[in-house]
Amino acid sequence: FLATQAQAALDALYGGEDVRDVVLRCYFEMARVLDQSQGIRRVETVTPREFAIQLTGWGLPAEPVSTLTRLFEEVRYGSYSEDDTAAQQAIASLEAIIAACQELA
């Protein structure tokens, strides 16, 4: 399920969708999927970085999760400036997360 959400976000980025929208949607959808499939819930009192620690504890790779979390924080809290680097970082992170999900399955 998580790989499906990451793949949908990756496809959206390759399709030219706005990085800001894709990162927000991807983050919230991954949180929803993990809650439903693994019982890993991101409650409001858990910061994005604390949630990232939970994700890496579940077996996802630390660097891509950290990068995607940083992008989420930038997009969500206002320090994001759109450039090709952010899109490339999001793509690389999503590809790594997808690969890790396939290995975990």
C-alpha atoms as a PDB file:
ATOM      1  CA  PHE A   1       0.000   0.000   0.000  1.00  0.00           C
ATOM      2  CA  LEU A   2       2.757   2.437   0.894  1.00  0.00           C
ATOM      3  CA  ALA A   3       4.594   1.708  -2.339  1.00  0.00           C
ATOM      4  CA  THR A   4       1.379   2.436  -4.253  1.00  0.00           C
ATOM      5  CA  GLN A   5       1.082   5.890  -2.653  1.00  0.00           C
ATOM      6  CA  ALA A   6       4.750   6.643  -3.258  1.00  0.00           C
ATOM      7  CA  GLN A   7       4.392   5.504  -6.884  1.00  0.00           C
ATOM      8  CA  ALA A   8       1.333   7.731  -7.362  1.00  0.00           C
ATOM      9  CA  ALA A   9       3.326  10.702  -6.067  1.00  0.00           C
ATOM     10  CA  LEU A  10       6.254   9.803  -8.290  1.00  0.00           C
ATOM     11  CA  ASP A  11       3.973   9.558 -11.326  1.00  0.00           C
ATOM     12  CA  ALA A  12       2.473  12.946 -10.452  1.00  0.00           C
ATOM     13  CA  LEU A  13       5.931  14.529 -10.310  1.00  0.00           C
ATOM     14  CA  TYR A  14       6.921  12.957 -13.622  1.00  0.00           C
ATOM     15  CA  GLY A  15       3.609  14.233 -15.002  1.00  0.00           C
ATOM     16  CA  GLY A  16       4.568  17.782 -14.118  1.00  0.00           C
ATOM     17  CA  GLU A  17       2.302  18.352 -11.129  1.00  0.00           C
ATOM     18  CA  ASP A  18       3.287  21.016  -8.631  1.00  0.00           C
ATOM     19  CA  VAL A  19       5.938  19.725  -6.225  1.00  0.00           C
ATOM     20  CA  ARG A  20       4.269  21.467  -3.287  1.00  0.00           C
ATOM     21  CA  ASP A  21       0.927  19.736  -3.902  1.00  0.00           C
ATOM     22  CA  VAL A  22       2.499  16.351  -4.546  1.00  0.00           C
ATOM     23  CA  VAL A  23       4.676  16.412  -1.418  1.00  0.00           C
ATOM     24  CA  LEU A  24       1.753  17.396   0.820  1.00  0.00           C
ATOM     25  CA  ARG A  25      -0.597  14.808  -0.670  1.00  0.00           C
ATOM     26  CA  CYS A  26       2.064  12.104  -0.597  1.00  0.00           C
ATOM     27  CA  TYR A  27       2.953  12.733   3.037  1.00  0.00           C
ATOM     28  CA  PHE A  28      -0.644  12.688   4.251  1.00  0.00           C
ATOM     29  CA  GLU A  29      -1.526   9.637   2.136  1.00  0.00           C
ATOM     30  CA  MET A  30       1.510   7.704   3.355  1.00  0.00           C
ATOM     31  CA  ALA A  31       0.538   8.526   6.938  1.00  0.00           C
ATOM     32  CA  ARG A  32      -3.008   7.299   6.254  1.00  0.00           C
ATOM     33  CA  VAL A  33      -1.808   4.093   4.613  1.00  0.00           C
ATOM     34  CA  LEU A  34       0.627   3.306   7.428  1.00  0.00           C
ATOM     35  CA  ASP A  35      -2.113   3.854   9.979  1.00  0.00           C
ATOM     36  CA  GLN A  36      -4.494   1.512   8.150  1.00  0.00           C
ATOM     37  CA  SER A  37      -2.033  -1.192   7.162  1.00  0.00           C
ATOM     38  CA  GLN A  38       0.528  -1.199   9.984  1.00  0.00           C
ATOM     39  CA  GLY A  39      -1.153   0.579  12.858  1.00  0.00           C
ATOM     40  CA  ILE A  40       1.524   3.291  12.691  1.00  0.00           C
ATOM     41  CA  ARG A  41      -0.456   6.407  13.518  1.00  0.00           C
ATOM     42  CA  ARG A  42       0.788   9.954  13.190  1.00  0.00           C
ATOM     43  CA  VAL A  43      -1.180  11.818  15.807  1.00  0.00           C
ATOM     44  CA  GLU A  44      -1.221  15.615  15.813  1.00  0.00           C
ATOM     45  CA  THR A  45       1.214  15.810  18.723  1.00  0.00           C
ATOM     46  CA  VAL A  46       3.845  13.862  16.759  1.00  0.00           C
ATOM     47  CA  THR A  47       6.112  16.112  14.745  1.00  0.00           C
ATOM     48  CA  PRO A  48       7.014  15.206  11.171  1.00  0.00           C
ATOM     49  CA  ARG A  49      10.551  14.359  12.325  1.00  0.00           C
ATOM     50  CA  GLU A  50       9.271  12.102  15.094  1.00  0.00           C
ATOM     51  CA  PHE A  51       7.051  10.403  12.523  1.00  0.00           C
ATOM     52  CA  ALA A  52      10.092   9.962  10.267  1.00  0.00           C
ATOM     53  CA  ILE A  53      11.826   8.132  13.109  1.00  0.00           C
ATOM     54  CA  GLN A  54       8.838   5.801  13.344  1.00  0.00           C
ATOM     55  CA  LEU A  55       9.015   5.174   9.603  1.00  0.00           C
ATOM     56  CA  THR A  56      12.699   4.304   9.687  1.00  0.00           C
ATOM     57  CA  GLY A  57      12.021   2.032  12.657  1.00  0.00           C
ATOM     58  CA  TRP A  58       9.520   0.220  10.459  1.00  0.00           C
ATOM     59  CA  GLY A  59      12.306  -0.408   7.956  1.00  0.00           C
ATOM     60  CA  LEU A  60      12.190   2.478   5.501  1.00  0.00           C
ATOM     61  CA  PRO A  61      15.547   4.021   4.524  1.00  0.00           C
ATOM     62  CA  ALA A  62      16.552   6.942   6.741  1.00  0.00           C
ATOM     63  CA  GLU A  63      17.966   9.346   4.162  1.00  0.00           C
ATOM     64  CA  PRO A  64      15.006   9.316   1.720  1.00  0.00           C
ATOM     65  CA  VAL A  65      12.502   9.524   4.582  1.00  0.00           C
ATOM     66  CA  SER A  66      14.467  12.428   6.082  1.00  0.00           C
ATOM     67  CA  THR A  67      14.619  14.231   2.734  1.00  0.00           C
ATOM     68  CA  LEU A  68      10.913  13.783   2.077  1.00  0.00           C
ATOM     69  CA  THR A  69      10.151  14.935   5.629  1.00  0.00           C
ATOM     70  CA  ARG A  70      12.307  18.038   5.182  1.00  0.00           C
ATOM     71  CA  LEU A  71      10.521  18.839   1.910  1.00  0.00           C
ATOM     72  CA  PHE A  72       7.175  18.352   3.642  1.00  0.00           C
ATOM     73  CA  GLU A  73       8.196  20.740   6.431  1.00  0.00           C
ATOM     74  CA  GLU A  74       9.368  23.342   3.914  1.00  0.00           C
ATOM     75  CA  VAL A  75       6.154  23.057   1.904  1.00  0.00           C
ATOM     76  CA  ARG A  76       3.843  22.926   4.913  1.00  0.00           C
ATOM     77  CA  TYR A  77       5.461  25.608   7.041  1.00  0.00           C
ATOM     78  CA  GLY A  78       6.508  28.095   4.411  1.00  0.00           C
ATOM     79  CA  SER A  79      10.239  28.017   3.645  1.00  0.00           C
ATOM     80  CA  TYR A  80       9.800  26.157   0.343  1.00  0.00           C
ATOM     81  CA  SER A  81      11.052  27.777  -2.845  1.00  0.00           C
ATOM     82  CA  GLU A  82      10.201  25.924  -6.011  1.00  0.00           C
ATOM     83  CA  ASP A  83      13.153  24.742  -8.044  1.00  0.00           C
ATOM     84  CA  ASP A  84      14.268  21.657  -9.925  1.00  0.00           C
ATOM     85  CA  THR A  85      16.348  20.486  -6.976  1.00  0.00           C
ATOM     86  CA  ALA A  86      13.270  19.945  -4.781  1.00  0.00           C
ATOM     87  CA  ALA A  87      11.563  17.918  -7.491  1.00  0.00           C
ATOM     88  CA  GLN A  88      14.697  15.828  -8.036  1.00  0.00           C
ATOM     89  CA  GLN A  89      15.057  15.226  -4.293  1.00  0.00           C
ATOM     90  CA  ALA A  90      11.404  14.208  -4.004  1.00  0.00           C
ATOM     91  CA  ILE A  91      11.730  11.836  -6.972  1.00  0.00           C
ATOM     92  CA  ALA A  92      14.909  10.223  -5.629  1.00  0.00           C
ATOM     93  CA  SER A  93      13.356   9.850  -2.169  1.00  0.00           C
ATOM     94  CA  LEU A  94      10.159   8.317  -3.501  1.00  0.00           C
ATOM     95  CA  GLU A  95      12.088   5.890  -5.713  1.00  0.00           C
ATOM     96  CA  ALA A  96      14.135   4.745  -2.713  1.00  0.00           C
ATOM     97  CA  ILE A  97      11.025   4.360  -0.555  1.00  0.00           C
ATOM     98  CA  ILE A  98       9.316   2.315  -3.275  1.00  0.00           C
ATOM     99  CA  ALA A  99      12.378   0.056  -3.572  1.00  0.00           C
ATOM    100  CA  ALA A 100      12.499  -0.406   0.201  1.00  0.00           C
ATOM    101  CA  CYS A 101       8.797  -1.286   0.316  1.00  0.00           C
ATOM    102  CA  GLN A 102       9.329  -3.918  -2.354  1.00  0.00           C
ATOM    103  CA  GLU A 103      12.197  -5.399  -0.364  1.00  0.00           C
ATOM    104  CA  LEU A 104      10.121  -5.414   2.840  1.00  0.00           C
ATOM    105  CA  ALA A 105       7.180  -7.152   1.150  1.00  0.00           C
END
